[in-house]
PDB file of N, CA and C in Angstrom:
ATOM      1  N   ILE A   1     -23.952  72.883-108.540  1.00  0.00           N
ATOM      2  CA  ILE A   1     -23.638  73.246-109.912  1.00  0.00           C
ATOM      3  C   ILE A   1     -24.924  73.509-110.708  1.00  0.00           C
ATOM      4  N   TYR A   2     -25.976  72.744-110.387  1.00  0.00           N
ATOM      5  CA  TYR A   2     -27.249  72.929-111.081  1.00  0.00           C
ATOM      6  C   TYR A   2     -27.793  74.337-110.826  1.00  0.00           C
ATOM      7  N   ILE A   3     -27.703  74.794-109.588  1.00  0.00           N
ATOM      8  CA  ILE A   3     -28.182  76.142-109.262  1.00  0.00           C
ATOM      9  C   ILE A   3     -27.363  77.188-110.005  1.00  0.00           C
ATOM     10  N   ALA A   4     -26.050  77.005-110.045  1.00  0.00           N
ATOM     11  CA  ALA A   4     -25.191  77.950-110.768  1.00  0.00           C
ATOM     12  C   ALA A   4     -25.567  78.005-112.241  1.00  0.00           C
ATOM     13  N   ALA A   5     -25.831  76.847-112.850  1.00  0.00           N
ATOM     14  CA  ALA A   5     -26.212  76.806-114.266  1.00  0.00           C
ATOM     15  C   ALA A   5     -27.577  77.434-114.489  1.00  0.00           C
ATOM     16  N   SER A   6     -28.509  77.173-113.579  1.00  0.00           N
ATOM     17  CA  SER A   6     -29.869  77.690-113.756  1.00  0.00           C
ATOM     18  C   SER A   6     -29.971  79.184-113.469  1.00  0.00           C
ATOM     19  N   GLU A   7     -28.933  79.744-112.822  1.00  0.00           N
ATOM     20  CA  GLU A   7     -28.944  81.178-112.529  1.00  0.00           C
ATOM     21  C   GLU A   7     -27.922  81.958-113.346  1.00  0.00           C
ATOM     22  N   GLY A   8     -27.252  81.271-114.273  1.00  0.00           N
ATOM     23  CA  GLY A   8     -26.372  81.959-115.208  1.00  0.00           C
ATOM     24  C   GLY A   8     -24.984  82.296-114.714  1.00  0.00           C
ATOM     25  N   HIS A   9     -24.484  81.583-113.721  1.00  0.00           N
ATOM     26  CA  HIS A   9     -23.150  81.840-113.171  1.00  0.00           C
ATOM     27  C   HIS A   9     -22.095  81.036-113.930  1.00  0.00           C
ATOM     28  N   THR A  10     -21.701  81.559-115.078  1.00  0.00           N
ATOM     29  CA  THR A  10     -20.812  80.856-116.001  1.00  0.00           C
ATOM     30  C   THR A  10     -19.491  80.455-115.359  1.00  0.00           C
ATOM     31  N   GLU A  11     -18.840  81.363-114.681  1.00  0.00           N
ATOM     32  CA  GLU A  11     -17.520  81.065-114.101  1.00  0.00           C
ATOM     33  C   GLU A  11     -17.602  79.988-113.026  1.00  0.00           C
ATOM     34  N   ILE A  12     -18.663  79.999-112.244  1.00  0.00           N
ATOM     35  CA  ILE A  12     -18.833  78.971-111.214  1.00  0.00           C
ATOM     36  C   ILE A  12     -19.057  77.617-111.870  1.00  0.00           C
ATOM     37  N   VAL A  13     -19.895  77.586-112.907  1.00  0.00           N
ATOM     38  CA  VAL A  13     -20.135  76.333-113.630  1.00  0.00           C
ATOM     39  C   VAL A  13     -18.825  75.805-114.197  1.00  0.00           C
ATOM     40  N   LYS A  14     -18.051  76.679-114.818  1.00  0.00           N
ATOM     41  CA  LYS A  14     -16.769  76.271-115.399  1.00  0.00           C
ATOM     42  C   LYS A  14     -15.847  75.695-114.329  1.00  0.00           C
ATOM     43  N   LEU A  15     -15.721  76.377-113.213  1.00  0.00           N
ATOM     44  CA  LEU A  15     -14.865  75.924-112.119  1.00  0.00           C
ATOM     45  C   LEU A  15     -15.305  74.555-111.604  1.00  0.00           C
ATOM     46  N   LEU A  16     -16.593  74.398-111.370  1.00  0.00           N
ATOM     47  CA  LEU A  16     -17.100  73.136-110.841  1.00  0.00           C
ATOM     48  C   LEU A  16     -16.951  71.995-111.844  1.00  0.00           C
ATOM     49  N   LEU A  17     -17.160  72.280-113.116  1.00  0.00           N
ATOM     50  CA  LEU A  17     -16.945  71.252-114.139  1.00  0.00           C
ATOM     51  C   LEU A  17     -15.482  70.830-114.178  1.00  0.00           C
ATOM     52  N   ASP A  18     -14.599  71.803-114.081  1.00  0.00           N
ATOM     53  CA  ASP A  18     -13.168  71.500-114.073  1.00  0.00           C
ATOM     54  C   ASP A  18     -12.774  70.654-112.866  1.00  0.00           C
ATOM     55  N   LYS A  19     -13.540  70.766-111.781  1.00  0.00           N
ATOM     56  CA  LYS A  19     -13.278  69.988-110.562  1.00  0.00           C
ATOM     57  C   LYS A  19     -13.992  68.636-110.579  1.00  0.00           C
ATOM     58  N   GLY A  20     -14.715  68.347-111.679  1.00  0.00           N
ATOM     59  CA  GLY A  20     -15.357  67.043-111.823  1.00  0.00           C
ATOM     60  C   GLY A  20     -16.770  66.937-111.299  1.00  0.00           C
ATOM     61  N   ALA A  21     -17.460  68.049-111.150  1.00  0.00           N
ATOM     62  CA  ALA A  21     -18.837  68.027-110.649  1.00  0.00           C
ATOM     63  C   ALA A  21     -19.748  67.250-111.591  1.00  0.00           C
ATOM     64  N   ASP A  22     -20.765  66.618-111.015  1.00  0.00           N
ATOM     65  CA  ASP A  22     -21.749  65.854-111.782  1.00  0.00           C
ATOM     66  C   ASP A  22     -22.617  66.814-112.580  1.00  0.00           C
ATOM     67  N   ILE A  23     -22.937  66.438-113.815  1.00  0.00           N
ATOM     68  CA  ILE A  23     -23.746  67.321-114.658  1.00  0.00           C
ATOM     69  C   ILE A  23     -25.241  67.029-114.569  1.00  0.00           C
ATOM     70  N   ARG A  24     -25.641  66.139-113.662  1.00  0.00           N
ATOM     71  CA  ARG A  24     -27.063  65.840-113.458  1.00  0.00           C
ATOM     72  C   ARG A  24     -27.473  66.219-112.042  1.00  0.00           C
ATOM     73  N   ASP A  25     -28.725  66.643-111.904  1.00  0.00           N
ATOM     74  CA  ASP A  25     -29.225  66.911-110.562  1.00  0.00           C
ATOM     75  C   ASP A  25     -29.840  65.636-109.993  1.00  0.00           C
ATOM     76  N   HIS A  26     -30.444  65.722-108.827  1.00  0.00           N
ATOM     77  CA  HIS A  26     -31.001  64.539-108.157  1.00  0.00           C
ATOM     78  C   HIS A  26     -32.188  63.929-108.898  1.00  0.00           C
ATOM     79  N   GLU A  27     -32.800  64.664-109.823  1.00  0.00           N
ATOM     80  CA  GLU A  27     -33.907  64.129-110.619  1.00  0.00           C
ATOM     81  C   GLU A  27     -33.439  63.667-111.993  1.00  0.00           C
ATOM     82  N   GLY A  28     -32.137  63.735-112.231  1.00  0.00           N
ATOM     83  CA  GLY A  28     -31.588  63.273-113.497  1.00  0.00           C
ATOM     84  C   GLY A  28     -31.548  64.315-114.594  1.00  0.00           C
ATOM     85  N   GLU A  29     -32.001  65.532-114.294  1.00  0.00           N
ATOM     86  CA  GLU A  29     -31.967  66.587-115.307  1.00  0.00           C
ATOM     87  C   GLU A  29     -30.537  67.099-115.436  1.00  0.00           C
ATOM     88  N   THR A  30     -30.113  67.333-116.658  1.00  0.00           N
ATOM     89  CA  THR A  30     -28.739  67.766-116.870  1.00  0.00           C
ATOM     90  C   THR A  30     -28.615  69.281-116.843  1.00  0.00           C
ATOM     91  N   LEU A  31     -27.384  69.731-116.707  1.00  0.00           N
ATOM     92  CA  LEU A  31     -27.119  71.167-116.648  1.00  0.00           C
ATOM     93  C   LEU A  31     -27.553  71.885-117.909  1.00  0.00           C
ATOM     94  N   ILE A  32     -27.465  71.203-119.047  1.00  0.00           N
ATOM     95  CA  ILE A  32     -27.833  71.873-120.297  1.00  0.00           C
ATOM     96  C   ILE A  32     -29.317  72.246-120.298  1.00  0.00           C
ATOM     97  N   PHE A  33     -30.147  71.451-119.619  1.00  0.00           N
ATOM     98  CA  PHE A  33     -31.558  71.826-119.476  1.00  0.00           C
ATOM     99  C   PHE A  33     -31.685  73.095-118.640  1.00  0.00           C
ATOM    100  N   ALA A  34     -30.962  73.139-117.533  1.00  0.00           N
ATOM    101  CA  ALA A  34     -31.030  74.309-116.656  1.00  0.00           C
ATOM    102  C   ALA A  34     -30.582  75.562-117.392  1.00  0.00           C
ATOM    103  N   ALA A  35     -29.482  75.460-118.112  1.00  0.00           N
ATOM    104  CA  ALA A  35     -28.960  76.614-118.845  1.00  0.00           C
ATOM    105  C   ALA A  35     -29.892  77.015-119.982  1.00  0.00           C
ATOM    106  N   ALA A  36     -30.424  76.036-120.707  1.00  0.00           N
ATOM    107  CA  ALA A  36     -31.344  76.334-121.811  1.00  0.00           C
ATOM    108  C   ALA A  36     -32.646  76.934-121.283  1.00  0.00           C
ATOM    109  N   ASN A  37     -33.151  76.407-120.171  1.00  0.00           N
ATOM    110  CA  ASN A  37     -34.372  76.951-119.557  1.00  0.00           C
ATOM    111  C   ASN A  37     -34.203  78.400-119.143  1.00  0.00           C
ATOM    112  N   GLY A  38     -33.012  78.742-118.691  1.00  0.00           N
ATOM    113  CA  GLY A  38     -32.763  80.101-118.231  1.00  0.00           C
ATOM    114  C   GLY A  38     -32.289  81.049-119.314  1.00  0.00           C
ATOM    115  N   GLY A  39     -32.013  80.511-120.501  1.00  0.00           N
ATOM    116  CA  GLY A  39     -31.546  81.353-121.596  1.00  0.00           C
ATOM    117  C   GLY A  39     -30.089  81.761-121.474  1.00  0.00           C
ATOM    118  N   TYR A  40     -29.288  80.954-120.805  1.00  0.00           N
ATOM    119  CA  TYR A  40     -27.880  81.279-120.563  1.00  0.00           C
ATOM    120  C   TYR A  40     -26.996  80.707-121.664  1.00  0.00           C
ATOM    121  N   THR A  41     -26.871  81.476-122.727  1.00  0.00           N
ATOM    122  CA  THR A  41     -26.163  81.053-123.932  1.00  0.00           C
ATOM    123  C   THR A  41     -24.722  80.660-123.652  1.00  0.00           C
ATOM    124  N   GLU A  42     -24.010  81.438-122.857  1.00  0.00           N
ATOM    125  CA  GLU A  42     -22.594  81.146-122.591  1.00  0.00           C
ATOM    126  C   GLU A  42     -22.421  79.825-121.853  1.00  0.00           C
ATOM    127  N   ILE A  43     -23.327  79.527-120.943  1.00  0.00           N
ATOM    128  CA  ILE A  43     -23.241  78.249-120.228  1.00  0.00           C
ATOM    129  C   ILE A  43     -23.567  77.104-121.172  1.00  0.00           C
ATOM    130  N   VAL A  44     -24.554  77.287-122.039  1.00  0.00           N
ATOM    131  CA  VAL A  44     -24.863  76.252-123.026  1.00  0.00           C
ATOM    132  C   VAL A  44     -23.641  75.996-123.903  1.00  0.00           C
ATOM    133  N   LYS A  45     -22.981  77.063-124.356  1.00  0.00           N
ATOM    134  CA  LYS A  45     -21.763  76.902-125.164  1.00  0.00           C
ATOM    135  C   LYS A  45     -20.709  76.108-124.403  1.00  0.00           C
ATOM    136  N   LEU A  46     -20.488  76.466-123.149  1.00  0.00           N
ATOM    137  CA  LEU A  46     -19.506  75.780-122.310  1.00  0.00           C
ATOM    138  C   LEU A  46     -19.835  74.299-122.189  1.00  0.00           C
ATOM    139  N   LEU A  47     -21.087  73.998-121.919  1.00  0.00           N
ATOM    140  CA  LEU A  47     -21.508  72.607-121.760  1.00  0.00           C
ATOM    141  C   LEU A  47     -21.381  71.831-123.064  1.00  0.00           C
ATOM    142  N   LEU A  48     -21.713  72.461-124.173  1.00  0.00           N
ATOM    143  CA  LEU A  48     -21.552  71.801-125.471  1.00  0.00           C
ATOM    144  C   LEU A  48     -20.079  71.526-125.750  1.00  0.00           C
ATOM    145  N   ASP A  49     -19.224  72.475-125.394  1.00  0.00           N
ATOM    146  CA  ASP A  49     -17.782  72.275-125.561  1.00  0.00           C
ATOM    147  C   ASP A  49     -17.266  71.133-124.692  1.00  0.00           C
ATOM    148  N   LYS A  50     -17.939  70.902-123.550  1.00  0.00           N
ATOM    149  CA  LYS A  50     -17.555  69.818-122.642  1.00  0.00           C
ATOM    150  C   LYS A  50     -18.218  68.498-123.031  1.00  0.00           C
ATOM    151  N   GLY A  51     -18.950  68.508-124.151  1.00  0.00           N
ATOM    152  CA  GLY A  51     -19.557  67.273-124.644  1.00  0.00           C
ATOM    153  C   GLY A  51     -20.918  66.937-124.078  1.00  0.00           C
ATOM    154  N   ALA A  52     -21.673  67.945-123.662  1.00  0.00           N
ATOM    155  CA  ALA A  52     -23.016  67.700-123.122  1.00  0.00           C
ATOM    156  C   ALA A  52     -23.861  66.930-124.129  1.00  0.00           C
ATOM    157  N   ASP A  53     -24.655  66.016-123.620  1.00  0.00           N
ATOM    158  CA  ASP A  53     -25.520  65.179-124.443  1.00  0.00           C
ATOM    159  C   ASP A  53     -26.798  65.944-124.780  1.00  0.00           C
ATOM    160  N   ILE A  54     -26.970  66.284-126.053  1.00  0.00           N
ATOM    161  CA  ILE A  54     -28.162  67.040-126.460  1.00  0.00           C
ATOM    162  C   ILE A  54     -29.352  66.131-126.756  1.00  0.00           C
ATOM    163  N   THR A  55     -29.153  64.817-126.640  1.00  0.00           N
ATOM    164  CA  THR A  55     -30.253  63.883-126.880  1.00  0.00           C
ATOM    165  C   THR A  55     -30.894  63.395-125.587  1.00  0.00           C
ATOM    166  N   VAL A  56     -30.311  63.759-124.455  1.00  0.00           N
ATOM    167  CA  VAL A  56     -30.842  63.321-123.173  1.00  0.00           C
ATOM    168  C   VAL A  56     -32.234  63.912-122.979  1.00  0.00           C
ATOM    169  N   ARG A  57     -33.096  63.121-122.338  1.00  0.00           N
ATOM    170  CA  ARG A  57     -34.477  63.553-122.115  1.00  0.00           C
ATOM    171  C   ARG A  57     -34.724  63.780-120.631  1.00  0.00           C
ATOM    172  N   ASP A  58     -35.616  64.716-120.342  1.00  0.00           N
ATOM    173  CA  ASP A  58     -36.002  64.938-118.954  1.00  0.00           C
ATOM    174  C   ASP A  58     -37.205  64.058-118.625  1.00  0.00           C
ATOM    175  N   TYR A  59     -37.787  64.252-117.458  1.00  0.00           N
ATOM    176  CA  TYR A  59     -38.913  63.436-117.005  1.00  0.00           C
ATOM    177  C   TYR A  59     -40.161  63.604-117.868  1.00  0.00           C
ATOM    178  N   ASP A  60     -40.243  64.664-118.690  1.00  0.00           N
ATOM    179  CA  ASP A  60     -41.364  64.867-119.613  1.00  0.00           C
ATOM    180  C   ASP A  60     -41.065  64.329-121.009  1.00  0.00           C
ATOM    181  N   GLY A  61     -39.858  63.777-121.173  1.00  0.00           N
ATOM    182  CA  GLY A  61     -39.463  63.267-122.480  1.00  0.00           C
ATOM    183  C   GLY A  61     -38.924  64.336-123.408  1.00  0.00           C
ATOM    184  N   GLU A  62     -38.642  65.503-122.854  1.00  0.00           N
ATOM    185  CA  GLU A  62     -38.142  66.608-123.674  1.00  0.00           C
ATOM    186  C   GLU A  62     -36.618  66.618-123.705  1.00  0.00           C
ATOM    187  N   THR A  63     -36.076  67.104-124.818  1.00  0.00           N
ATOM    188  CA  THR A  63     -34.641  67.279-124.974  1.00  0.00           C
ATOM    189  C   THR A  63     -34.315  68.765-124.778  1.00  0.00           C
ATOM    190  N   PRO A  64     -33.035  69.129-124.677  1.00  0.00           N
ATOM    191  CA  PRO A  64     -32.687  70.530-124.438  1.00  0.00           C
ATOM    192  C   PRO A  64     -33.252  71.515-125.464  1.00  0.00           C
ATOM    193  N   ILE A  65     -33.448  71.075-126.705  1.00  0.00           N
ATOM    194  CA  ILE A  65     -33.986  72.014-127.696  1.00  0.00           C
ATOM    195  C   ILE A  65     -35.427  72.414-127.361  1.00  0.00           C
ATOM    196  N   PHE A  66     -36.157  71.540-126.668  1.00  0.00           N
ATOM    197  CA  PHE A  66     -37.495  71.909-126.200  1.00  0.00           C
ATOM    198  C   PHE A  66     -37.408  73.092-125.240  1.00  0.00           C
ATOM    199  N   ALA A  67     -36.465  73.001-124.290  1.00  0.00           N
ATOM    200  CA  ALA A  67     -36.324  74.065-123.292  1.00  0.00           C
ATOM    201  C   ALA A  67     -36.007  75.393-123.961  1.00  0.00           C
ATOM    202  N   ALA A  68     -35.099  75.366-124.914  1.00  0.00           N
ATOM    203  CA  ALA A  68     -34.721  76.595-125.619  1.00  0.00           C
ATOM    204  C   ALA A  68     -35.880  77.128-126.456  1.00  0.00           C
ATOM    205  N   ALA A  69     -36.572  76.247-127.164  1.00  0.00           N
ATOM    206  CA  ALA A  69     -37.698  76.662-128.006  1.00  0.00           C
ATOM    207  C   ALA A  69     -38.844  77.188-127.153  1.00  0.00           C
ATOM    208  N   ASN A  70     -39.121  76.518-126.059  1.00  0.00           N
ATOM    209  CA  ASN A  70     -40.202  76.910-125.165  1.00  0.00           C
ATOM    210  C   ASN A  70     -39.937  78.258-124.503  1.00  0.00           C
ATOM    211  N   GLY A  71     -38.660  78.564-124.273  1.00  0.00           N
ATOM    212  CA  GLY A  71     -38.310  79.830-123.640  1.00  0.00           C
ATOM    213  C   GLY A  71     -38.078  80.969-124.608  1.00  0.00           C
ATOM    214  N   GLY A  72     -38.070  80.662-125.902  1.00  0.00           N
ATOM    215  CA  GLY A  72     -37.851  81.706-126.899  1.00  0.00           C
ATOM    216  C   GLY A  72     -36.402  82.119-127.059  1.00  0.00           C
ATOM    217  N   TYR A  73     -35.479  81.216-126.754  1.00  0.00           N
ATOM    218  CA  TYR A  73     -34.051  81.529-126.790  1.00  0.00           C
ATOM    219  C   TYR A  73     -33.446  81.130-128.135  1.00  0.00           C
ATOM    220  N   THR A  74     -33.546  82.039-129.080  1.00  0.00           N
ATOM    221  CA  THR A  74     -33.143  81.792-130.464  1.00  0.00           C
ATOM    222  C   THR A  74     -31.687  81.372-130.584  1.00  0.00           C
ATOM    223  N   GLU A  75     -30.788  82.056-129.897  1.00  0.00           N
ATOM    224  CA  GLU A  75     -29.358  81.735-130.008  1.00  0.00           C
ATOM    225  C   GLU A  75     -29.058  80.333-129.498  1.00  0.00           C
ATOM    226  N   ILE A  76     -29.729  79.931-128.446  1.00  0.00           N
ATOM    227  CA  ILE A  76     -29.515  78.585-127.915  1.00  0.00           C
ATOM    228  C   ILE A  76     -30.080  77.553-128.878  1.00  0.00           C
ATOM    229  N   VAL A  77     -31.231  77.826-129.462  1.00  0.00           N
ATOM    230  CA  VAL A  77     -31.784  76.922-130.476  1.00  0.00           C
ATOM    231  C   VAL A  77     -30.780  76.759-131.612  1.00  0.00           C
ATOM    232  N   LYS A  78     -30.201  77.869-132.068  1.00  0.00           N
ATOM    233  CA  LYS A  78     -29.203  77.798-133.148  1.00  0.00           C
ATOM    234  C   LYS A  78     -28.011  76.938-132.749  1.00  0.00           C
ATOM    235  N   LEU A  79     -27.508  77.131-131.532  1.00  0.00           N
ATOM    236  CA  LEU A  79     -26.371  76.335-131.050  1.00  0.00           C
ATOM    237  C   LEU A  79     -26.698  74.846-131.062  1.00  0.00           C
ATOM    238  N   LEU A  80     -27.871  74.509-130.573  1.00  0.00           N
ATOM    239  CA  LEU A  80     -28.275  73.104-130.510  1.00  0.00           C
ATOM    240  C   LEU A  80     -28.485  72.524-131.903  1.00  0.00           C
ATOM    241  N   LEU A  81     -29.054  73.311-132.798  1.00  0.00           N
ATOM    242  CA  LEU A  81     -29.214  72.852-134.181  1.00  0.00           C
ATOM    243  C   LEU A  81     -27.859  72.615-134.831  1.00  0.00           C
ATOM    244  N   ASP A  82     -26.907  73.506-134.568  1.00  0.00           N
ATOM    245  CA  ASP A  82     -25.556  73.346-135.116  1.00  0.00           C
ATOM    246  C   ASP A  82     -24.886  72.067-134.619  1.00  0.00           C
ATOM    247  N   LYS A  83     -25.290  71.614-133.425  1.00  0.00           N
ATOM    248  CA  LYS A  83     -24.736  70.375-132.864  1.00  0.00           C
ATOM    249  C   LYS A  83     -25.549  69.148-133.275  1.00  0.00           C
ATOM    250  N   GLY A  84     -26.575  69.370-134.101  1.00  0.00           N
ATOM    251  CA  GLY A  84     -27.348  68.248-134.618  1.00  0.00           C
ATOM    252  C   GLY A  84     -28.580  67.870-133.825  1.00  0.00           C
ATOM    253  N   ALA A  85     -29.132  68.794-133.061  1.00  0.00           N
ATOM    254  CA  ALA A  85     -30.342  68.500-132.287  1.00  0.00           C
ATOM    255  C   ALA A  85     -31.461  68.024-133.206  1.00  0.00           C
ATOM    256  N   ASP A  86     -32.178  67.020-132.749  1.00  0.00           N
ATOM    257  CA  ASP A  86     -33.274  66.423-133.511  1.00  0.00           C
ATOM    258  C   ASP A  86     -34.544  67.242-133.305  1.00  0.00           C
ATOM    259  N   ILE A  87     -35.029  67.862-134.368  1.00  0.00           N
ATOM    260  CA  ILE A  87     -36.237  68.685-134.254  1.00  0.00           C
ATOM    261  C   ILE A  87     -37.516  67.871-134.421  1.00  0.00           C
ATOM    262  N   THR A  88     -37.378  66.590-134.737  1.00  0.00           N
ATOM    263  CA  THR A  88     -38.561  65.743-134.902  1.00  0.00           C
ATOM    264  C   THR A  88     -38.877  64.942-133.645  1.00  0.00           C
ATOM    265  N   VAL A  89     -38.030  65.054-132.633  1.00  0.00           N
ATOM    266  CA  VAL A  89     -38.241  64.311-131.398  1.00  0.00           C
ATOM    267  C   VAL A  89     -39.546  64.765-130.750  1.00  0.00           C
ATOM    268  N   ARG A  90     -40.248  63.818-130.144  1.00  0.00           N
ATOM    269  CA  ARG A  90     -41.524  64.115-129.487  1.00  0.00           C
ATOM    270  C   ARG A  90     -41.421  63.832-127.996  1.00  0.00           C
ATOM    271  N   ASP A  91     -42.089  64.663-127.216  1.00  0.00           N
ATOM    272  CA  ASP A  91     -42.117  64.437-125.770  1.00  0.00           C
ATOM    273  C   ASP A  91     -43.208  63.420-125.442  1.00  0.00           C
ATOM    274  N   HIS A  92     -43.473  63.210-124.154  1.00  0.00           N
ATOM    275  CA  HIS A  92     -44.460  62.210-123.736  1.00  0.00           C
ATOM    276  C   HIS A  92     -45.887  62.550-124.169  1.00  0.00           C
ATOM    277  N   GLU A  93     -46.126  63.801-124.524  1.00  0.00           N
ATOM    278  CA  GLU A  93     -47.453  64.211-124.993  1.00  0.00           C
ATOM    279  C   GLU A  93     -47.534  64.236-126.515  1.00  0.00           C
ATOM    280  N   GLY A  94     -46.441  63.843-127.175  1.00  0.00           N
ATOM    281  CA  GLY A  94     -46.421  63.806-128.629  1.00  0.00           C
ATOM    282  C   GLY A  94     -46.073  65.130-129.289  1.00  0.00           C
ATOM    283  N   GLU A  95     -45.663  66.106-128.492  1.00  0.00           N
ATOM    284  CA  GLU A  95     -45.340  67.423-129.041  1.00  0.00           C
ATOM    285  C   GLU A  95     -43.872  67.505-129.450  1.00  0.00           C
ATOM    286  N   THR A  96     -43.587  68.390-130.400  1.00  0.00           N
ATOM    287  CA  THR A  96     -42.235  68.592-130.915  1.00  0.00           C
ATOM    288  C   THR A  96     -41.725  69.977-130.497  1.00  0.00           C
ATOM    289  N   PRO A  97     -40.433  70.237-130.663  1.00  0.00           N
ATOM    290  CA  PRO A  97     -39.911  71.567-130.341  1.00  0.00           C
ATOM    291  C   PRO A  97     -40.596  72.691-131.122  1.00  0.00           C
ATOM    292  N   ILE A  98     -40.972  72.434-132.358  1.00  0.00           N
ATOM    293  CA  ILE A  98     -41.638  73.481-133.144  1.00  0.00           C
ATOM    294  C   ILE A  98     -42.995  73.833-132.532  1.00  0.00           C
ATOM    295  N   PHE A  99     -43.670  72.837-131.973  1.00  0.00           N
ATOM    296  CA  PHE A  99     -44.931  73.099-131.282  1.00  0.00           C
ATOM    297  C   PHE A  99     -44.686  73.995-130.071  1.00  0.00           C
ATOM    298  N   ALA A 100     -43.627  73.696-129.318  1.00  0.00           N
ATOM    299  CA  ALA A 100     -43.301  74.502-128.136  1.00  0.00           C
ATOM    300  C   ALA A 100     -43.040  75.952-128.530  1.00  0.00           C
ATOM    301  N   ALA A 101     -42.296  76.145-129.611  1.00  0.00           N
ATOM    302  CA  ALA A 101     -41.996  77.502-130.080  1.00  0.00           C
ATOM    303  C   ALA A 101     -43.263  78.207-130.563  1.00  0.00           C
ATOM    304  N   ALA A 102     -44.080  77.508-131.332  1.00  0.00           N
ATOM    305  CA  ALA A 102     -45.318  78.098-131.848  1.00  0.00           C
ATOM    306  C   ALA A 102     -46.273  78.438-130.707  1.00  0.00           C
ATOM    307  N   ASN A 103     -46.354  77.551-129.733  1.00  0.00           N
ATOM    308  CA  ASN A 103     -47.229  77.765-128.589  1.00  0.00           C
ATOM    309  C   ASN A 103     -46.816  79.006-127.804  1.00  0.00           C
ATOM    310  N   GLY A 104     -45.526  79.298-127.785  1.00  0.00           N
ATOM    311  CA  GLY A 104     -45.035  80.484-127.095  1.00  0.00           C
ATOM    312  C   GLY A 104     -45.039  81.735-127.951  1.00  0.00           C
ATOM    313  N   GLY A 105     -45.379  81.588-129.229  1.00  0.00           N
ATOM    314  CA  GLY A 105     -45.415  82.734-130.128  1.00  0.00           C
ATOM    315  C   GLY A 105     -44.050  83.162-130.641  1.00  0.00           C
ATOM    316  N   TYR A 106     -43.086  82.240-130.631  1.00  0.00           N
ATOM    317  CA  TYR A 106     -41.722  82.560-131.054  1.00  0.00           C
ATOM    318  C   TYR A 106     -41.540  82.239-132.537  1.00  0.00           C
ATOM    319  N   THR A 107     -42.016  83.148-133.383  1.00  0.00           N
ATOM    320  CA  THR A 107     -42.024  82.905-134.828  1.00  0.00           C
ATOM    321  C   THR A 107     -40.627  82.760-135.417  1.00  0.00           C
ATOM    322  N   LYS A 108     -39.666  83.470-134.880  1.00  0.00           N
ATOM    323  CA  LYS A 108     -38.296  83.354-135.373  1.00  0.00           C
ATOM    324  C   LYS A 108     -37.769  81.924-135.175  1.00  0.00           C
ATOM    325  N   ILE A 109     -38.080  81.346-134.033  1.00  0.00           N
ATOM    326  CA  ILE A 109     -37.648  79.976-133.754  1.00  0.00           C
ATOM    327  C   ILE A 109     -38.430  78.994-134.614  1.00  0.00           C
ATOM    328  N   VAL A 110     -39.716  79.230-134.788  1.00  0.00           N
ATOM    329  CA  VAL A 110     -40.519  78.362-135.657  1.00  0.00           C
ATOM    330  C   VAL A 110     -39.892  78.306-137.044  1.00  0.00           C
ATOM    331  N   LYS A 111     -39.477  79.448-137.566  1.00  0.00           N
ATOM    332  CA  LYS A 111     -38.845  79.484-138.894  1.00  0.00           C
ATOM    333  C   LYS A 111     -37.529  78.721-138.903  1.00  0.00           C
ATOM    334  N   LEU A 112     -36.764  78.804-137.819  1.00  0.00           N
ATOM    335  CA  LEU A 112     -35.501  78.067-137.722  1.00  0.00           C
ATOM    336  C   LEU A 112     -35.722  76.558-137.746  1.00  0.00           C
ATOM    337  N   LEU A 113     -36.768  76.150-137.057  1.00  0.00           N
ATOM    338  CA  LEU A 113     -37.043  74.721-136.927  1.00  0.00           C
ATOM    339  C   LEU A 113     -37.745  74.181-138.156  1.00  0.00           C
TER     340      LEU A 113
END
């Protein structure tokens, strides 16, 4: 399911979720990270509708909004903000999502955050 989410296969993700597939991979990263990293807005929407945890952190201490901001995915950032994503959260290096967006040159996302 993680591969399907990371490659944008919305229907496969939906089918597997409906069958009870685990939303974490072997390293504990959730599907919402995979979808946000890949810029797959429809999968992010699906996962949010299924109650995906937007506060979960990966091994770097980042939340899904970091992945979206770092990748320049404005629509996903908007979706996560609408669900109450914390823009003040810091990763293990002390950086915030706005830093990730600024570092990537994504001015539209910087303005959103």
